[in-house]
Protein backbone atom coordinates (compact mmCIF):
# COMPACT_ATOMS: atom_id res chain seq x y z
CA UNK A 1 89.76 138.61 83.29
CA UNK A 2 88.39 135.69 81.04
CA UNK A 3 88.48 132.86 83.56
CA UNK A 4 85.61 134.25 85.81
CA UNK A 5 83.71 130.87 85.55
CA UNK A 6 87.03 128.72 86.13
CA UNK A 7 86.28 127.01 89.89
CA UNK A 8 89.50 125.34 91.05
CA UNK A 9 87.84 123.17 93.21
CA UNK A 10 85.74 121.54 90.34
CA UNK A 11 89.15 121.23 88.43
CA UNK A 12 90.99 119.72 91.32
CA UNK A 13 87.98 117.26 92.13
CA UNK A 14 87.92 115.82 88.58
CA UNK A 15 91.47 115.96 88.03
CA UNK A 16 91.97 113.51 91.15
CA UNK A 17 89.12 111.34 89.75
CA UNK A 18 91.14 111.26 86.38
CA UNK A 19 94.53 110.83 88.02
CA UNK A 20 93.39 107.68 90.11
CA UNK A 21 92.15 106.15 86.81
CA UNK A 22 95.19 106.54 85.50
CA UNK A 23 97.29 105.24 88.08
CA UNK A 24 98.92 101.70 87.43
CA UNK A 25 101.66 101.44 90.01
CA UNK A 26 100.06 103.95 92.87
CA UNK A 27 96.65 101.88 92.52
CA UNK A 28 97.61 99.20 94.75
CA UNK A 29 99.04 100.76 97.70
CA UNK A 30 98.32 101.78 101.12
CA UNK A 31 96.75 104.75 101.13
CA UNK A 32 94.96 105.11 104.87
CA UNK A 33 97.20 108.32 105.82
CA UNK A 34 96.38 110.79 103.23
CA UNK A 35 93.98 112.82 105.27
CA UNK A 36 96.98 113.49 107.91
CA UNK A 37 99.08 115.69 105.55
CA UNK A 38 98.20 119.42 105.14
CA UNK A 39 101.15 120.84 103.32
CA UNK A 40 104.60 120.27 101.75
CA UNK A 41 107.20 119.20 104.45
CA UNK A 42 104.63 117.56 106.59
CA UNK A 43 105.86 114.33 107.93
CA UNK A 44 103.32 110.93 108.43
CA UNK A 45 103.87 108.75 111.19
CA UNK A 46 103.10 105.34 110.01
CA UNK A 47 102.46 102.46 112.70
CA UNK A 48 103.20 98.73 111.81
CA UNK A 49 101.21 96.51 114.24
CA UNK A 50 103.70 93.58 115.18
CA UNK A 51 102.27 89.93 115.61
CA UNK A 52 101.46 88.67 118.74
CA UNK A 53 102.99 85.29 120.45
CA UNK A 54 100.33 82.58 120.24
CA UNK A 55 100.81 80.28 123.32
CA UNK A 56 99.68 76.82 123.26
CA UNK A 57 99.44 74.68 126.65
CA UNK A 58 97.31 71.82 127.63
CA UNK A 59 94.31 72.26 130.41
CA UNK A 60 96.00 70.65 133.57
CA UNK A 61 93.79 68.00 135.46
CA UNK A 62 93.81 70.32 138.31
CA UNK A 63 91.87 72.82 136.52
CA UNK A 64 92.27 75.29 139.62
CA UNK A 65 95.88 75.72 138.59
CA UNK A 66 95.27 76.90 135.02
CA UNK A 67 95.27 80.61 134.87
CA UNK A 68 98.64 80.33 137.23
CA UNK A 69 100.39 78.68 134.56
CA UNK A 70 99.51 81.30 131.99
CA UNK A 71 102.17 83.39 130.48
CA UNK A 72 102.75 86.76 131.30
CA UNK A 73 100.99 89.57 128.79
CA UNK A 74 103.39 90.66 126.34
CA UNK A 75 103.68 94.13 125.02
CA UNK A 76 103.76 93.78 121.04
CA UNK A 77 106.70 95.03 119.18
CA UNK A 78 105.36 97.82 117.11
CA UNK A 79 107.37 99.74 114.61
CA UNK A 80 106.62 103.54 113.74
CA UNK A 81 107.96 104.79 110.36
CA UNK A 82 108.13 108.64 109.79
CA UNK A 83 107.46 109.38 106.07
CA UNK A 84 108.25 112.86 104.82
CA UNK A 85 106.01 114.34 101.99
CA UNK A 86 107.98 116.25 99.64
CA UNK A 87 107.20 115.42 96.19
CA UNK A 88 106.15 117.97 93.77
CA UNK A 89 104.85 117.29 90.14
CA UNK A 90 103.98 121.04 88.80
CA UNK A 91 102.19 122.23 85.48
CA UNK A 92 101.57 125.29 83.60
CA UNK A 93 100.11 125.86 79.99
CA UNK A 94 98.37 128.20 77.99
CA UNK A 95 94.69 127.54 76.52
CA UNK A 96 93.17 130.32 75.00
CA UNK A 97 90.20 131.87 76.32
CA UNK A 98 89.48 129.67 79.56
CA UNK A 99 85.72 130.94 79.46
CA UNK A 100 85.08 129.71 75.79
CA UNK A 101 87.21 126.71 76.48
CA UNK A 102 84.93 125.32 79.11
CA UNK A 103 81.57 125.41 77.10
CA UNK A 104 83.26 124.49 73.80
CA UNK A 105 81.79 121.18 72.17
CA UNK A 106 79.63 120.78 75.19
CA UNK A 107 82.88 120.97 77.64
CA UNK A 108 84.72 118.13 75.75
CA UNK A 109 87.70 120.09 74.98
CA UNK A 110 88.27 121.07 78.50
CA UNK A 111 87.71 117.85 79.71
CA UNK A 112 90.45 116.66 77.30
CA UNK A 113 93.02 118.86 78.82
CA UNK A 114 92.32 117.63 82.27
CA UNK A 115 92.78 114.22 80.94
CA UNK A 116 95.87 114.79 79.46
CA UNK A 117 96.99 116.44 82.38
CA UNK A 118 95.94 113.63 84.76
CA UNK A 119 97.67 111.28 82.00
CA UNK A 120 101.13 113.32 82.70
CA UNK A 121 100.82 113.57 86.30
CA UNK A 122 100.03 109.81 86.81
CA UNK A 123 103.03 108.90 84.86
CA UNK A 124 105.40 111.04 86.87
CA UNK A 125 103.97 109.34 89.92
CA UNK A 126 104.14 105.81 88.70
CA UNK A 127 107.95 106.59 87.57
CA UNK A 128 108.56 107.82 90.81
CA UNK A 129 107.31 104.68 92.31
CA UNK A 130 108.73 102.09 89.70
CA UNK A 131 112.20 103.70 89.35
CA UNK A 132 112.85 104.74 93.01
CA UNK A 133 110.52 103.63 96.02
CA UNK A 134 110.27 99.70 94.53
CA UNK A 135 113.90 99.40 94.15
CA UNK A 136 114.51 100.22 97.66
CA UNK A 137 112.92 97.14 98.44
CA UNK A 138 114.53 93.45 98.98
CA UNK A 139 115.88 91.74 95.65
CA UNK A 140 115.07 88.04 95.24
CA UNK A 141 117.40 85.52 93.90
CA UNK A 142 117.26 81.97 93.60
CA UNK A 143 119.71 79.07 92.01
CA UNK A 144 119.40 80.86 88.51
CA UNK A 145 120.50 84.24 89.74
CA UNK A 146 124.09 85.16 89.10
CA UNK A 147 126.15 85.30 92.01
CA UNK A 148 127.42 88.79 91.72
CA UNK A 149 124.84 90.34 89.87
CA UNK A 150 121.67 88.67 91.34
CA UNK A 151 120.25 88.81 87.70
CA UNK A 152 118.24 85.78 86.35
CA UNK A 153 118.03 85.36 82.53
CA UNK A 154 114.46 83.71 81.74
CA UNK A 155 113.42 82.06 78.64
CA UNK A 156 109.68 81.64 77.55
CA UNK A 157 110.25 78.02 77.05
CA UNK A 158 107.34 75.57 77.90
CA UNK A 159 109.45 72.76 79.55
CA UNK A 160 110.95 72.23 83.01
CA UNK A 161 114.56 73.91 83.13
CA UNK A 162 117.07 71.65 83.14
CA UNK A 163 119.29 71.32 86.16
CA UNK A 164 122.54 73.42 85.93
CA UNK A 165 120.61 75.69 83.23
CA UNK A 166 122.02 79.29 83.33
CA UNK A 167 118.32 80.37 81.92
CA UNK A 168 114.93 79.81 84.10
CA UNK A 169 111.52 79.16 82.25
CA UNK A 170 109.15 82.25 83.07
CA UNK A 171 106.35 80.13 84.87
CA UNK A 172 109.11 78.55 86.89
CA UNK A 173 109.99 82.12 88.01
CA UNK A 174 106.54 82.88 89.07
CA UNK A 175 106.20 79.41 90.74
CA UNK A 176 109.45 80.72 92.67
CA UNK A 177 107.58 84.18 93.37
CA UNK A 178 104.62 82.40 94.88
CA UNK A 179 106.69 80.06 97.04
CA UNK A 180 108.97 83.45 98.36
CA UNK A 181 105.66 84.86 99.40
CA UNK A 182 104.41 81.82 101.29
CA UNK A 183 107.64 81.64 102.84
CA UNK A 184 107.14 85.58 103.92
CA UNK A 185 103.66 84.37 105.53
CA UNK A 186 101.68 85.94 102.59
CA UNK A 187 98.73 83.76 102.36
CA UNK A 188 97.31 82.57 99.26
CA UNK A 189 94.13 84.86 99.67
CA UNK A 190 96.33 87.69 99.80
CA UNK A 191 96.69 89.37 96.29
CA UNK A 192 100.56 89.63 95.09
CA UNK A 193 100.59 92.33 92.29
CA UNK A 194 103.43 91.61 90.15
CA UNK A 195 104.49 94.59 87.70
CA UNK A 196 106.82 94.00 84.77
CA UNK A 197 107.69 95.27 81.52
CA UNK A 198 105.20 94.96 78.30
CA UNK A 199 108.20 92.46 76.89
CA UNK A 200 108.14 89.99 80.03
CA UNK A 201 104.31 90.38 80.51
CA UNK A 202 103.93 89.26 76.61
CA UNK A 203 106.31 86.34 77.72
CA UNK A 204 104.28 85.04 80.61
CA UNK A 205 100.98 85.77 78.47
CA UNK A 206 101.74 83.60 75.52
CA UNK A 207 102.88 81.02 78.09
CA UNK A 208 99.80 81.11 80.42
CA UNK A 209 97.28 80.94 77.21
CA UNK A 210 99.22 77.86 75.81
CA UNK A 211 98.14 76.00 78.99
CA UNK A 212 94.72 77.62 79.91
CA UNK A 213 92.60 80.33 78.56
CA UNK A 214 91.03 81.25 81.89
CA UNK A 215 93.60 83.47 83.00
CA UNK A 216 92.69 86.88 82.69
CA UNK A 217 90.81 89.11 85.57
CA UNK A 218 89.46 92.43 85.66
CA UNK A 219 90.33 94.62 88.89
CA UNK A 220 88.90 98.07 89.31
CA UNK A 221 88.48 98.24 85.53
CA UNK A 222 92.41 97.00 84.65
CA UNK A 223 93.11 93.42 83.49
CA UNK A 224 95.50 91.52 84.97
CA UNK A 225 97.05 87.79 84.34
CA UNK A 226 96.37 85.79 87.17
CA UNK A 227 98.78 82.97 88.22
CA UNK A 228 97.79 81.35 91.56
CA UNK A 229 97.75 84.44 93.95
CA UNK A 230 99.54 86.63 91.52
CA UNK A 231 97.92 89.42 89.69
CA UNK A 232 100.41 90.26 86.50
CA UNK A 233 100.34 93.84 84.96
CA UNK A 234 102.62 95.82 82.54
CA UNK A 235 104.18 99.14 82.88
CA UNK A 236 106.59 101.21 81.68
CA UNK A 237 108.05 103.01 84.51
CA UNK A 238 109.76 100.28 86.27
CA UNK A 239 113.42 100.73 86.39
CA UNK A 240 115.68 99.36 83.89
CA UNK A 241 119.60 99.20 83.91
CA UNK A 242 121.81 99.44 80.52
CA UNK A 243 124.72 96.91 79.98
CA UNK A 244 127.95 97.92 81.37
CA UNK A 245 130.99 95.37 80.68
CA UNK A 246 130.39 92.03 81.23
CA UNK A 247 127.04 92.87 82.95
CA UNK A 248 123.99 92.54 80.41
CA UNK A 249 120.89 95.12 80.50
CA UNK A 250 118.33 94.12 83.04
CA UNK A 251 114.92 95.35 84.25
CA UNK A 252 113.16 95.30 87.56
CA UNK A 253 109.97 93.18 88.03
CA UNK A 254 108.54 93.98 91.30
CA UNK A 255 106.01 91.64 93.76
CA UNK A 256 104.10 93.56 96.23
CA UNK A 257 100.99 93.46 98.36
CA UNK A 258 98.52 96.45 98.75
CA UNK A 259 100.07 96.81 102.46
CA UNK A 260 103.93 97.35 101.10
CA UNK A 261 104.09 100.72 100.01
CA UNK A 262 102.59 103.66 101.32
CA UNK A 263 101.35 106.32 98.69
CA UNK A 264 100.02 109.56 100.10
CA UNK A 265 98.64 112.18 97.48
CA UNK A 266 98.39 115.21 100.08
CA UNK A 267 97.09 118.09 97.96
CA UNK A 268 95.68 119.20 94.55
CA UNK A 269 96.29 122.75 93.72
CA UNK A 270 95.26 124.72 90.51
CA UNK A 271 94.38 128.25 89.36
CA UNK A 272 94.12 129.97 86.41
CA UNK A 273 96.15 133.20 85.26
CA UNK A 274 96.93 135.82 82.62
CA UNK A 275 100.79 135.24 81.69
CA UNK A 276 102.67 138.62 81.46
CA UNK A 277 104.06 137.80 77.79
CA UNK A 278 101.06 136.73 75.88
CA UNK A 279 97.43 137.31 75.37
CA UNK A 280 95.97 134.38 76.61
CA UNK A 281 94.50 132.61 79.51
CA UNK A 282 96.47 129.65 81.27
CA UNK A 283 96.21 126.91 84.08
CA UNK A 284 98.93 126.16 86.48
CA UNK A 285 98.56 123.84 89.41
CA UNK A 286 100.64 120.84 91.26
CA UNK A 287 100.14 117.57 93.33
CA UNK A 288 101.94 117.26 96.32
CA UNK A 289 102.58 113.34 97.14
CA UNK A 290 105.25 110.95 98.26
CA UNK A 291 105.53 107.15 99.18
CA UNK A 292 107.76 104.52 101.43
CA UNK A 293 108.38 100.86 101.41
CA UNK A 294 106.53 100.11 104.71
CA UNK A 295 106.37 96.43 104.92
CA UNK A 296 109.48 95.29 103.15
CA UNK A 297 108.39 91.48 103.45
CA UNK A 298 105.53 92.03 101.63
CA UNK A 299 107.46 93.92 98.28
CA UNK A 300 110.28 91.91 96.67
CA UNK A 301 112.13 92.78 92.94
CA UNK A 302 113.69 90.41 90.53
CA UNK A 303 116.57 91.58 88.02
CA UNK A 304 115.67 90.00 84.95
CA UNK A 305 117.17 89.94 81.75
CA UNK A 306 115.85 87.88 78.33
């Protein structure tokens, strides 16, 4: 065997570190339940804690009767969601002599294989989130949304949208998202991460730059456009729908808090092998994961066309 120095646990640890850095949509998700999963097919029970009722009262003149008038202790209405873990992304490729590759160019060649693998896996995970999980969340509409399709046509203009217009200024749409978040009890201190296509992000960026240059922040090494409590990022992995009949092509724009979607990366596996047909070493592996919307009031989609 020519792969005696390959240590799967070292590869997996490094791959997970690379994978975490490559994520975009999976980055700002709820990941507290990852340690509860051991194998594919396992399920996780996620508890959403309900809000307690806050009661108001005035201290009576006769303070001795104060405790007699207090309301009964309530049982908070908690909800439990069962989340199955059943998504697998797999890879298998030959790399020649593993022992030699691992030391070639001070290990940089092996690191490049690992980086490419992490990028491919991260893209698959983000595609699943952006095109399957996120679209299950509620769709936001306003007065500019088509009554039938719910699609909102946006413009990069810098003027206030006139009454009766069929298109909406992109910043006014963002204002509506801020308002919608507030109406769902998402405070201004809570970050709302807004994922959109590069095309839409460009419209927002150009408009924001025209009114202020202080609108870019860096979080965990990634740059975001900031508008109130909206942190805007671009992704190529959000859902897009082609035109059909009278319905124009449109794309999803998704706003969410970090608590809205549960993402569980349950297991990373890798092993070296020698393919039966061939004279080279190879690596094969997989990741086990899944995701689910668990707080539907903290995530909403906008169907947008330009």
